[in-house]
Amino acid sequence: MTDLKQLLIDIVRGIVSNPDAVCVTESVGEAATSLTLTVAPDDMGRVIGKNGRVANSIRVVMKAAAIARNVRINVEIRDAE
């Protein structure tokens, strides 16, 4: 599962202006694995995008990668407070 976690980190670090603030925590459940992405408050707009398009695109890529590994995944985006 660390492959998926690293994939998410690599994708988001290419988008944000403060890549050192990117943090991903992983929690494994019975039905799916949940990845919680935390970015700097200034980068939330970049990660979410206009009408949530960037966030949805990130989720689509992550779900496609998870399907290739025969697992289920959820991606949640939060800002660092």
Protein backbone atom coordinates (compact mmCIF):
# COMPACT_ATOMS: atom_id res chain seq x y z
CA MET A 1 0.00 0.00 0.00
CA THR A 2 2.97 2.31 0.39
CA ASP A 3 3.19 2.42 -3.41
CA LEU A 4 -0.19 4.15 -3.52
CA LYS A 5 0.75 6.47 -0.68
CA GLN A 6 3.96 7.47 -2.47
CA LEU A 7 2.06 7.91 -5.75
CA LEU A 8 -0.32 10.36 -4.06
CA ILE A 9 2.59 12.27 -2.50
CA ASP A 10 4.38 12.51 -5.85
CA ILE A 11 1.27 13.74 -7.67
CA VAL A 12 0.44 16.42 -5.11
CA ARG A 13 4.02 17.66 -4.68
CA GLY A 14 4.02 18.49 -8.38
CA ILE A 15 0.93 20.66 -7.96
CA VAL A 16 1.52 22.62 -4.75
CA SER A 17 3.85 25.55 -4.12
CA ASN A 18 4.95 24.21 -0.71
CA PRO A 19 5.82 20.53 -1.31
CA ASP A 20 7.39 20.10 2.13
CA ALA A 21 3.97 20.56 3.76
CA VAL A 22 2.43 17.60 1.92
CA CYS A 23 1.63 14.75 4.31
CA VAL A 24 -0.34 11.55 3.70
CA THR A 25 -1.64 9.32 6.49
CA GLU A 26 -2.94 5.86 5.81
CA SER A 27 -5.63 3.95 7.67
CA VAL A 28 -6.55 0.42 6.66
CA GLY A 29 -10.13 -0.68 7.12
CA GLU A 30 -12.00 -3.88 6.33
CA ALA A 31 -13.54 -2.69 3.07
CA ALA A 32 -11.03 -0.09 1.89
CA THR A 33 -7.87 1.80 2.66
CA SER A 34 -8.22 5.50 3.38
CA LEU A 35 -5.51 8.00 2.51
CA THR A 36 -5.80 11.42 4.13
CA LEU A 37 -3.90 14.12 2.28
CA THR A 38 -2.85 17.20 4.25
CA VAL A 39 -1.50 20.30 2.50
CA ALA A 40 -0.71 23.87 3.51
CA PRO A 41 -3.76 26.16 3.68
CA ASP A 42 -2.36 28.28 0.83
CA ASP A 43 -2.25 25.21 -1.43
CA MET A 44 -5.82 24.02 -0.86
CA GLY A 45 -7.07 25.91 -3.92
CA ARG A 46 -4.41 24.31 -6.10
CA VAL A 47 -5.25 20.81 -4.90
CA ILE A 48 -9.02 21.22 -5.12
CA GLY A 49 -9.05 23.21 -8.36
CA LYS A 50 -11.92 25.00 -10.02
CA ASN A 51 -15.18 23.22 -9.16
CA GLY A 52 -13.15 20.40 -7.58
CA ARG A 53 -11.77 19.16 -10.90
CA VAL A 54 -8.19 18.67 -9.73
CA ALA A 55 -9.31 16.81 -6.60
CA ASN A 56 -11.58 14.58 -8.66
CA SER A 57 -8.77 13.89 -11.12
CA ILE A 58 -6.44 12.92 -8.27
CA ARG A 59 -9.09 10.55 -6.92
CA VAL A 60 -9.63 8.98 -10.37
CA VAL A 61 -5.91 8.34 -10.82
CA MET A 62 -5.62 6.87 -7.33
CA LYS A 63 -8.64 4.61 -7.82
CA ALA A 64 -7.24 3.39 -11.15
CA ALA A 65 -3.92 2.58 -9.48
CA ALA A 66 -5.74 0.80 -6.65
CA ILE A 67 -7.81 -1.28 -9.08
CA ALA A 68 -4.59 -2.39 -10.78
CA ARG A 69 -3.46 -3.67 -7.35
CA ASN A 70 -6.88 -5.22 -6.62
CA VAL A 71 -7.62 -3.00 -3.58
CA ARG A 72 -10.15 -0.28 -2.73
CA ILE A 73 -9.05 3.20 -1.76
CA ASN A 74 -10.56 6.49 -0.58
CA VAL A 75 -8.73 9.83 -0.75
CA GLU A 76 -9.64 12.63 1.65
CA ILE A 77 -8.12 16.12 1.38
CA ARG A 78 -7.56 18.38 4.40
CA ASP A 79 -5.58 21.53 5.09
CA ALA A 80 -2.92 21.67 7.79
CA GLU A 81 -4.20 23.73 10.69
